[in-house]
Amino acid sequence: MPSPLARAAKRRNNIESLRQHIRVRYGCDSIHVGTEMVTEWSLRAVADRTVELFQLMGQRAGMRAYAWLGNARGDEQPRVVLAEPPVQTASDAVAAA
């Protein structure tokens, strides 16, 4: 089991990776403002997701984005979903992805 310091370093790296993905995909910087846990249900698996919440800056100032790594199939690709109707919560974002 990784040490608490190793887990914290991995989390910081994940958040920075997601910020970079948002920057490339949407052309704006973002600020990490929170973390929510979401349980993702699929036909084959149940997975707990750590969803990071970001406040977007620049052209999309005031918008939020939900971002996480991976899906129920086990890949580690970044997922980013903007908080636009009908997405209003982290659970909505995971379901929409």
N, C-alpha and C. Protein backbone atom coordinates (compact mmCIF):
# COMPACT_ATOMS: atom_id res chain seq x y z
N MET A 1 0.85 -1.18 0.00
CA MET A 1 0.00 0.00 0.00
C MET A 1 0.89 1.24 0.00
N PRO A 2 0.62 2.20 -0.90
CA PRO A 2 1.44 3.41 -0.97
C PRO A 2 1.31 4.25 0.30
N SER A 3 2.37 4.95 0.60
CA SER A 3 2.37 5.82 1.77
C SER A 3 1.44 7.01 1.53
N PRO A 4 1.01 7.68 2.59
CA PRO A 4 0.17 8.88 2.42
C PRO A 4 0.85 9.94 1.55
N LEU A 5 2.17 10.10 1.68
CA LEU A 5 2.87 11.09 0.85
C LEU A 5 2.84 10.68 -0.62
N ALA A 6 2.99 9.40 -0.90
CA ALA A 6 2.95 8.92 -2.28
C ALA A 6 1.56 9.12 -2.87
N ARG A 7 0.51 8.84 -2.08
CA ARG A 7 -0.86 9.03 -2.56
C ARG A 7 -1.14 10.51 -2.83
N ALA A 8 -0.65 11.38 -1.96
CA ALA A 8 -0.85 12.83 -2.15
C ALA A 8 -0.12 13.31 -3.40
N ALA A 9 1.08 12.81 -3.63
CA ALA A 9 1.84 13.21 -4.82
C ALA A 9 1.14 12.72 -6.08
N LYS A 10 0.62 11.50 -6.07
CA LYS A 10 -0.09 10.98 -7.24
C LYS A 10 -1.35 11.82 -7.50
N ARG A 11 -2.07 12.18 -6.45
CA ARG A 11 -3.28 13.00 -6.61
C ARG A 11 -2.93 14.35 -7.22
N ARG A 12 -1.86 15.00 -6.73
CA ARG A 12 -1.43 16.29 -7.30
C ARG A 12 -1.07 16.13 -8.78
N ASN A 13 -0.37 15.05 -9.11
CA ASN A 13 -0.02 14.80 -10.51
C ASN A 13 -1.26 14.59 -11.36
N ASN A 14 -2.24 13.85 -10.84
CA ASN A 14 -3.49 13.61 -11.57
C ASN A 14 -4.23 14.93 -11.82
N ILE A 15 -4.31 15.77 -10.80
CA ILE A 15 -5.00 17.06 -10.94
C ILE A 15 -4.29 17.92 -11.98
N GLU A 16 -2.96 17.96 -11.94
CA GLU A 16 -2.22 18.75 -12.93
C GLU A 16 -2.40 18.18 -14.33
N SER A 17 -2.44 16.87 -14.46
CA SER A 17 -2.68 16.24 -15.76
C SER A 17 -4.06 16.62 -16.30
N LEU A 18 -5.07 16.63 -15.43
CA LEU A 18 -6.42 17.01 -15.84
C LEU A 18 -6.48 18.49 -16.22
N ARG A 19 -5.79 19.35 -15.47
CA ARG A 19 -5.74 20.78 -15.82
C ARG A 19 -5.12 20.97 -17.20
N GLN A 20 -4.04 20.22 -17.48
CA GLN A 20 -3.40 20.31 -18.79
C GLN A 20 -4.35 19.84 -19.88
N HIS A 21 -5.09 18.77 -19.63
CA HIS A 21 -6.05 18.26 -20.62
C HIS A 21 -7.14 19.31 -20.89
N ILE A 22 -7.62 19.97 -19.85
CA ILE A 22 -8.62 21.04 -20.02
C ILE A 22 -8.02 22.17 -20.86
N ARG A 23 -6.78 22.53 -20.58
CA ARG A 23 -6.12 23.62 -21.30
C ARG A 23 -6.02 23.29 -22.80
N VAL A 24 -5.64 22.06 -23.12
CA VAL A 24 -5.50 21.66 -24.52
C VAL A 24 -6.87 21.55 -25.19
N ARG A 25 -7.83 20.93 -24.52
CA ARG A 25 -9.13 20.67 -25.13
C ARG A 25 -9.99 21.93 -25.27
N TYR A 26 -9.97 22.79 -24.25
CA TYR A 26 -10.86 23.95 -24.26
C TYR A 26 -10.13 25.28 -24.42
N GLY A 27 -8.81 25.27 -24.44
CA GLY A 27 -8.04 26.48 -24.68
C GLY A 27 -8.09 27.48 -23.55
N CYS A 28 -8.23 27.00 -22.32
CA CYS A 28 -8.27 27.93 -21.19
C CYS A 28 -7.64 27.29 -19.95
N ASP A 29 -7.21 28.13 -19.04
CA ASP A 29 -6.70 27.64 -17.77
C ASP A 29 -7.86 27.33 -16.85
N SER A 30 -7.55 26.65 -15.76
CA SER A 30 -8.58 26.29 -14.79
C SER A 30 -7.98 26.26 -13.39
N ILE A 31 -8.87 26.35 -12.43
CA ILE A 31 -8.49 26.28 -11.02
C ILE A 31 -9.22 25.10 -10.41
N HIS A 32 -8.46 24.24 -9.72
CA HIS A 32 -9.08 23.10 -9.04
C HIS A 32 -9.81 23.61 -7.80
N VAL A 33 -11.11 23.30 -7.71
CA VAL A 33 -11.90 23.83 -6.59
C VAL A 33 -12.52 22.75 -5.70
N GLY A 34 -12.38 21.50 -6.07
CA GLY A 34 -12.95 20.47 -5.21
C GLY A 34 -12.85 19.08 -5.78
N THR A 35 -13.26 18.12 -4.97
CA THR A 35 -13.25 16.71 -5.33
C THR A 35 -14.53 16.07 -4.83
N GLU A 36 -15.12 15.23 -5.67
CA GLU A 36 -16.33 14.50 -5.28
C GLU A 36 -16.15 13.03 -5.64
N MET A 37 -16.68 12.16 -4.82
CA MET A 37 -16.66 10.73 -5.09
C MET A 37 -17.99 10.35 -5.75
N VAL A 38 -17.92 9.57 -6.81
CA VAL A 38 -19.10 9.14 -7.56
C VAL A 38 -18.98 7.65 -7.80
N THR A 39 -20.06 6.91 -7.63
CA THR A 39 -20.10 5.50 -7.97
C THR A 39 -20.67 5.37 -9.37
N GLU A 40 -19.89 4.75 -10.26
CA GLU A 40 -20.29 4.56 -11.66
C GLU A 40 -20.78 3.12 -11.82
N TRP A 41 -21.99 2.99 -12.33
CA TRP A 41 -22.58 1.68 -12.55
C TRP A 41 -22.62 1.41 -14.04
N SER A 42 -22.18 0.24 -14.44
CA SER A 42 -22.31 -0.18 -15.83
C SER A 42 -22.79 -1.63 -15.83
N LEU A 43 -23.04 -2.17 -17.01
CA LEU A 43 -23.52 -3.55 -17.10
C LEU A 43 -22.48 -4.55 -16.61
N ARG A 44 -21.21 -4.19 -16.69
CA ARG A 44 -20.15 -5.13 -16.34
C ARG A 44 -19.46 -4.86 -15.02
N ALA A 45 -19.54 -3.63 -14.53
CA ALA A 45 -18.75 -3.30 -13.33
C ALA A 45 -19.35 -2.13 -12.57
N VAL A 46 -18.93 -2.03 -11.33
CA VAL A 46 -19.24 -0.87 -10.50
C VAL A 46 -17.89 -0.29 -10.10
N ALA A 47 -17.73 1.00 -10.28
CA ALA A 47 -16.45 1.63 -9.97
C ALA A 47 -16.68 2.93 -9.22
N ASP A 48 -15.83 3.18 -8.24
CA ASP A 48 -15.85 4.46 -7.55
C ASP A 48 -14.92 5.40 -8.28
N ARG A 49 -15.43 6.56 -8.64
CA ARG A 49 -14.68 7.58 -9.37
C ARG A 49 -14.35 8.74 -8.44
N THR A 50 -13.14 9.22 -8.54
CA THR A 50 -12.76 10.46 -7.89
C THR A 50 -12.85 11.54 -8.96
N VAL A 51 -13.88 12.37 -8.87
CA VAL A 51 -14.14 13.40 -9.88
C VAL A 51 -13.65 14.73 -9.34
N GLU A 52 -12.79 15.38 -10.13
CA GLU A 52 -12.25 16.68 -9.73
C GLU A 52 -13.09 17.79 -10.37
N LEU A 53 -13.34 18.82 -9.61
CA LEU A 53 -14.13 19.96 -10.08
C LEU A 53 -13.19 21.13 -10.34
N PHE A 54 -13.31 21.73 -11.54
CA PHE A 54 -12.46 22.85 -11.93
C PHE A 54 -13.33 24.04 -12.32
N GLN A 55 -12.86 25.22 -11.96
CA GLN A 55 -13.46 26.48 -12.41
C GLN A 55 -12.64 26.94 -13.60
N LEU A 56 -13.29 27.17 -14.74
CA LEU A 56 -12.58 27.58 -15.95
C LEU A 56 -12.34 29.08 -15.95
N MET A 57 -11.28 29.48 -16.63
CA MET A 57 -10.89 30.89 -16.70
C MET A 57 -10.82 31.31 -18.16
N GLY A 58 -10.58 32.58 -18.42
CA GLY A 58 -10.44 33.07 -19.78
C GLY A 58 -11.78 33.16 -20.48
N GLN A 59 -11.82 32.70 -21.73
CA GLN A 59 -13.03 32.79 -22.55
C GLN A 59 -14.22 32.09 -21.90
N ARG A 60 -13.97 31.07 -21.15
CA ARG A 60 -15.04 30.30 -20.53
C ARG A 60 -15.16 30.60 -19.03
N ALA A 61 -14.74 31.79 -18.63
CA ALA A 61 -14.77 32.17 -17.22
C ALA A 61 -16.17 31.97 -16.64
N GLY A 62 -16.20 31.43 -15.45
CA GLY A 62 -17.47 31.18 -14.78
C GLY A 62 -18.03 29.79 -15.01
N MET A 63 -17.52 29.09 -16.02
CA MET A 63 -17.98 27.73 -16.28
C MET A 63 -17.22 26.75 -15.39
N ARG A 64 -17.85 25.63 -15.11
CA ARG A 64 -17.21 24.56 -14.36
C ARG A 64 -17.00 23.36 -15.27
N ALA A 65 -16.02 22.56 -14.89
CA ALA A 65 -15.78 21.30 -15.60
C ALA A 65 -15.56 20.21 -14.57
N TYR A 66 -16.09 19.04 -14.86
CA TYR A 66 -15.84 17.84 -14.06
C TYR A 66 -14.83 17.00 -14.82
N ALA A 67 -13.80 16.51 -14.14
CA ALA A 67 -12.76 15.74 -14.82
C ALA A 67 -12.28 14.59 -13.94
N TRP A 68 -11.93 13.49 -14.60
CA TRP A 68 -11.41 12.32 -13.90
C TRP A 68 -10.61 11.48 -14.87
N LEU A 69 -9.86 10.55 -14.32
CA LEU A 69 -9.08 9.62 -15.13
C LEU A 69 -9.75 8.27 -15.13
N GLY A 70 -9.92 7.70 -16.32
CA GLY A 70 -10.40 6.33 -16.44
C GLY A 70 -11.90 6.20 -16.49
N ASN A 71 -12.32 4.95 -16.70
CA ASN A 71 -13.73 4.60 -16.73
C ASN A 71 -13.93 3.20 -16.17
N ALA A 72 -15.12 2.69 -16.22
CA ALA A 72 -15.43 1.38 -15.63
C ALA A 72 -14.70 0.24 -16.34
N ARG A 73 -14.22 0.48 -17.56
CA ARG A 73 -13.49 -0.56 -18.29
C ARG A 73 -12.01 -0.59 -17.91
N GLY A 74 -11.57 0.35 -17.06
CA GLY A 74 -10.21 0.31 -16.54
C GLY A 74 -9.17 1.13 -17.28
N ASP A 75 -9.54 1.87 -18.33
CA ASP A 75 -8.52 2.69 -18.98
C ASP A 75 -8.23 3.92 -18.11
N GLU A 76 -7.16 4.61 -18.40
CA GLU A 76 -6.77 5.78 -17.60
C GLU A 76 -6.81 7.07 -18.42
N GLN A 77 -7.62 7.11 -19.46
CA GLN A 77 -7.73 8.31 -20.29
C GLN A 77 -8.48 9.40 -19.53
N PRO A 78 -8.08 10.67 -19.71
CA PRO A 78 -8.80 11.75 -19.04
C PRO A 78 -10.20 11.91 -19.62
N ARG A 79 -11.13 12.18 -18.76
CA ARG A 79 -12.51 12.49 -19.14
C ARG A 79 -12.82 13.88 -18.59
N VAL A 80 -13.37 14.73 -19.44
CA VAL A 80 -13.76 16.08 -19.01
C VAL A 80 -15.16 16.34 -19.54
N VAL A 81 -16.03 16.79 -18.66
CA VAL A 81 -17.41 17.13 -19.04
C VAL A 81 -17.71 18.51 -18.46
N LEU A 82 -18.15 19.41 -19.34
CA LEU A 82 -18.52 20.75 -18.87
C LEU A 82 -19.84 20.70 -18.12
N ALA A 83 -19.97 21.57 -17.14
CA ALA A 83 -21.21 21.67 -16.36
C ALA A 83 -22.19 22.55 -17.11
N GLU A 84 -22.80 21.96 -18.14
CA GLU A 84 -23.82 22.62 -18.95
C GLU A 84 -25.04 21.72 -18.92
N PRO A 85 -26.25 22.29 -18.98
CA PRO A 85 -27.43 21.44 -18.97
C PRO A 85 -27.35 20.34 -20.03
N PRO A 86 -27.65 19.13 -19.67
CA PRO A 86 -28.29 18.66 -18.46
C PRO A 86 -27.33 18.30 -17.33
N VAL A 87 -26.01 18.51 -17.52
CA VAL A 87 -25.03 18.14 -16.49
C VAL A 87 -24.97 19.23 -15.42
N GLN A 88 -25.33 18.84 -14.20
CA GLN A 88 -25.31 19.79 -13.08
C GLN A 88 -24.51 19.27 -11.89
N THR A 89 -24.20 17.99 -11.88
CA THR A 89 -23.46 17.38 -10.76
C THR A 89 -22.36 16.47 -11.29
N ALA A 90 -21.48 16.07 -10.40
CA ALA A 90 -20.43 15.11 -10.78
C ALA A 90 -21.04 13.80 -11.24
N SER A 91 -22.10 13.35 -10.61
CA SER A 91 -22.79 12.12 -11.03
C SER A 91 -23.34 12.26 -12.45
N ASP A 92 -23.93 13.41 -12.75
CA ASP A 92 -24.43 13.67 -14.10
C ASP A 92 -23.29 13.59 -15.12
N ALA A 93 -22.13 14.16 -14.76
CA ALA A 93 -20.99 14.18 -15.68
C ALA A 93 -20.49 12.76 -15.98
N VAL A 94 -20.39 11.94 -14.95
CA VAL A 94 -19.93 10.56 -15.15
C VAL A 94 -20.94 9.80 -16.01
N ALA A 95 -22.21 10.01 -15.77
CA ALA A 95 -23.24 9.33 -16.57
C ALA A 95 -23.21 9.80 -18.03
N ALA A 96 -22.86 11.06 -18.26
CA ALA A 96 -22.85 11.62 -19.62
C ALA A 96 -21.63 11.22 -20.43
N ALA A 97 -20.57 10.84 -19.74
CA ALA A 97 -19.30 10.56 -20.44
C ALA A 97 -19.33 9.28 -21.25
